[in-house]
Amino acid sequence: MKKIILIAALAFTVTSVNAQDTQKADAPKIYNPAADAKADITSAIKKANAEHKNVLLQIGGNWCIWCLRFNNLVTTDADLSKYLADNYIVLHVNYSPENKNEKVLASLGYPQRFGFPVFVVLDGEGNRLHTQNSGYLEEGKGHSKAKVMEFLQGWSPAALNPKSYEEKAK
């Protein structure tokens, strides 16, 4: 009987490990460890400036389930996806053993101190406007659509434009 239980436990462990490896292999690869983050950020800033948008840096790695969950939410939810496209240039900045982008993250005020994913909002001039700890956007085993939308709206170009408030006062 002990042999049967041992064999069953071993089979379960092997199956579980294989399932996890399959999930990792099937996971989207949204971060590129070989990317030149500094050059990509410079390009995103130029594009944001030309389009009157802000830049949203999503910093994390393909190893980070919360990073993948966030990306899945904002790309599959029509409201969030549209709001991002209308207001932000989104760039995924890699943090992994292959490339920690330490100099870039230092220039952004060490956002990795909040864990991953972490979001940095830049304006069209490249000024850092905000660093967002993603833990405040979580709900259950994912992120809250309402909290994410509130975050995006709060740091959008319109929210930071003084004219938005002058017009409301009239």
Protein backbone atom coordinates (compact mmCIF):
# COMPACT_ATOMS: atom_id res chain seq x y z
CA MET A 1 0.00 0.00 0.00
CA LYS A 2 2.85 2.39 0.80
CA LYS A 3 4.34 1.71 -2.64
CA ILE A 4 1.04 2.58 -4.34
CA ILE A 5 0.74 5.84 -2.41
CA LEU A 6 4.37 6.70 -3.19
CA ILE A 7 3.90 5.94 -6.90
CA ALA A 8 0.68 7.99 -6.99
CA ALA A 9 2.37 10.94 -5.26
CA LEU A 10 5.31 10.76 -7.65
CA ALA A 11 3.01 10.61 -10.69
CA PHE A 12 1.04 13.61 -9.41
CA THR A 13 4.23 15.62 -8.88
CA VAL A 14 5.55 14.84 -12.38
CA THR A 15 2.17 15.72 -13.94
CA SER A 16 2.00 18.97 -11.97
CA VAL A 17 5.51 20.02 -13.00
CA ASN A 18 4.81 19.17 -16.65
CA ALA A 19 1.59 21.21 -16.56
CA GLN A 20 3.46 24.20 -15.13
CA ASP A 21 6.14 23.92 -17.81
CA THR A 22 3.46 23.78 -20.51
CA GLN A 23 1.76 26.88 -19.07
CA LYS A 24 5.08 28.76 -19.04
CA ALA A 25 5.79 27.72 -22.63
CA ASP A 26 2.30 28.86 -23.73
CA ALA A 27 2.50 32.19 -21.87
CA PRO A 28 2.78 35.27 -24.09
CA LYS A 29 6.22 36.84 -24.42
CA ILE A 30 5.46 40.54 -23.99
CA TYR A 31 8.88 41.53 -22.64
CA ASN A 32 12.03 41.40 -24.75
CA PRO A 33 15.18 40.93 -22.66
CA ALA A 34 17.32 41.88 -25.69
CA ALA A 35 15.55 45.21 -26.27
CA ASP A 36 17.40 48.48 -25.83
CA ALA A 37 15.10 49.99 -23.19
CA LYS A 38 16.76 53.41 -23.27
CA ALA A 39 16.35 53.73 -27.04
CA ASP A 40 12.80 52.34 -26.90
CA ILE A 41 11.81 54.86 -24.20
CA THR A 42 13.31 57.72 -26.22
CA SER A 43 11.30 56.60 -29.25
CA ALA A 44 8.10 56.25 -27.19
CA ILE A 45 8.57 59.77 -25.78
CA LYS A 46 8.96 61.23 -29.28
CA LYS A 47 5.85 59.43 -30.46
CA ALA A 48 3.87 60.49 -27.37
CA ASN A 49 4.91 64.11 -27.89
CA ALA A 50 3.81 64.06 -31.53
CA GLU A 51 0.48 62.44 -30.64
CA HIS A 52 -0.18 64.52 -27.47
CA LYS A 53 -0.14 61.42 -25.28
CA ASN A 54 1.74 60.21 -22.24
CA VAL A 55 4.00 57.16 -22.06
CA LEU A 56 3.05 54.21 -19.87
CA LEU A 57 6.03 52.02 -19.04
CA GLN A 58 4.96 48.60 -17.85
CA ILE A 59 8.04 47.19 -16.15
CA GLY A 60 8.27 43.47 -15.46
CA GLY A 61 9.15 40.23 -17.14
CA ASN A 62 7.75 37.21 -18.92
CA TRP A 63 8.38 35.27 -15.69
CA CYS A 64 5.89 37.48 -13.79
CA ILE A 65 2.33 36.10 -13.74
CA TRP A 66 0.96 39.43 -12.46
CA CYS A 67 2.61 41.22 -15.39
CA LEU A 68 0.96 38.83 -17.83
CA ARG A 69 -2.40 39.12 -16.06
CA PHE A 70 -2.29 42.91 -16.24
CA ASN A 71 -1.37 42.84 -19.91
CA ASN A 72 -4.18 40.38 -20.60
CA LEU A 73 -6.70 42.65 -18.85
CA VAL A 74 -5.75 45.83 -20.68
CA THR A 75 -5.51 44.16 -24.08
CA THR A 76 -8.72 42.11 -23.89
CA ASP A 77 -11.01 44.61 -22.15
CA ALA A 78 -12.37 46.93 -24.86
CA ASP A 79 -12.75 49.98 -22.57
CA LEU A 80 -9.24 49.76 -21.12
CA SER A 81 -7.66 48.96 -24.47
CA LYS A 82 -9.32 51.95 -26.14
CA TYR A 83 -8.46 54.30 -23.28
CA LEU A 84 -4.82 53.24 -23.41
CA ALA A 85 -4.66 53.64 -27.20
CA ASP A 86 -6.25 57.09 -27.01
CA ASN A 87 -4.06 58.44 -24.19
CA TYR A 88 -0.80 56.51 -23.92
CA ILE A 89 2.10 55.04 -25.80
CA VAL A 90 2.62 51.75 -23.96
CA LEU A 91 6.06 50.20 -23.65
CA HIS A 92 7.01 46.99 -21.88
CA VAL A 93 10.39 47.36 -20.17
CA ASN A 94 12.07 44.09 -19.27
CA TYR A 95 13.36 43.15 -15.84
CA SER A 96 14.77 39.62 -15.71
CA PRO A 97 17.99 37.79 -14.91
CA GLU A 98 18.97 38.21 -18.59
CA ASN A 99 18.56 41.98 -18.48
CA LYS A 100 17.62 43.97 -15.39
CA ASN A 101 17.90 47.33 -17.18
CA GLU A 102 19.51 48.70 -14.02
CA LYS A 103 20.69 52.02 -15.52
CA VAL A 104 17.29 52.73 -17.05
CA LEU A 105 15.47 51.87 -13.83
CA ALA A 106 17.88 54.04 -11.84
CA SER A 107 17.06 56.96 -14.16
CA LEU A 108 13.36 56.33 -13.41
CA GLY A 109 13.82 56.48 -9.63
CA TYR A 110 14.16 52.73 -8.94
CA PRO A 111 10.52 51.72 -9.56
CA GLN A 112 11.40 48.06 -8.98
CA ARG A 113 11.18 48.80 -5.25
CA PHE A 114 7.41 48.31 -5.61
CA GLY A 115 7.66 44.84 -7.15
CA PHE A 116 6.30 43.81 -10.53
CA PRO A 117 4.60 44.86 -12.59
CA VAL A 118 5.28 48.47 -11.82
CA PHE A 119 4.14 51.35 -13.98
CA VAL A 120 5.90 54.62 -14.73
CA VAL A 121 4.05 57.44 -16.47
CA LEU A 122 6.10 59.90 -18.51
CA ASP A 123 4.86 62.97 -20.31
CA GLY A 124 5.64 63.79 -23.94
CA GLU A 125 8.83 65.53 -22.83
CA GLY A 126 10.11 62.49 -20.94
CA ASN A 127 9.43 63.85 -17.45
CA ARG A 128 8.46 61.21 -14.91
CA LEU A 129 4.98 62.07 -13.70
CA HIS A 130 4.14 59.08 -11.53
CA THR A 131 5.26 55.63 -10.42
CA GLN A 132 2.41 53.23 -9.65
CA ASN A 133 2.65 50.23 -7.35
CA SER A 134 0.46 47.65 -9.10
CA GLY A 135 -0.54 46.10 -5.77
CA TYR A 136 -3.02 48.95 -5.36
CA LEU A 137 -4.72 47.91 -8.60
CA GLU A 138 -5.14 44.24 -7.67
CA GLU A 139 -8.37 42.48 -6.93
CA GLY A 140 -8.52 38.75 -6.27
CA LYS A 141 -6.19 36.92 -8.63
CA GLY A 142 -6.01 39.78 -11.09
CA HIS A 143 -6.41 43.52 -11.40
CA SER A 144 -9.57 45.55 -10.92
CA LYS A 145 -10.84 47.10 -14.15
CA ALA A 146 -12.24 50.05 -12.17
CA LYS A 147 -8.96 50.68 -10.31
CA VAL A 148 -6.90 50.39 -13.49
CA MET A 149 -9.20 52.80 -15.33
CA GLU A 150 -9.05 55.26 -12.43
CA PHE A 151 -5.23 55.10 -12.49
CA LEU A 152 -5.10 55.61 -16.27
CA GLN A 153 -7.58 58.49 -16.16
CA GLY A 154 -5.76 60.16 -13.27
CA TRP A 155 -2.49 60.37 -15.21
CA SER A 156 -3.84 61.00 -18.70
CA PRO A 157 -2.86 64.14 -20.62
CA ALA A 158 -6.34 65.64 -20.06
CA ALA A 159 -6.14 65.11 -16.30
CA LEU A 160 -2.84 66.99 -16.19
CA ASN A 161 -3.89 69.80 -18.51
CA PRO A 162 -4.74 73.01 -16.58
CA LYS A 163 -7.19 73.98 -19.33
CA SER A 164 -9.34 70.98 -18.38
CA TYR A 165 -9.99 72.64 -15.03
CA GLU A 166 -10.34 76.20 -16.30
CA GLU A 167 -13.12 75.12 -18.66
CA LYS A 168 -14.97 73.29 -15.88
CA ALA A 169 -14.89 76.40 -13.70
CA LYS A 170 -16.71 78.46 -16.35
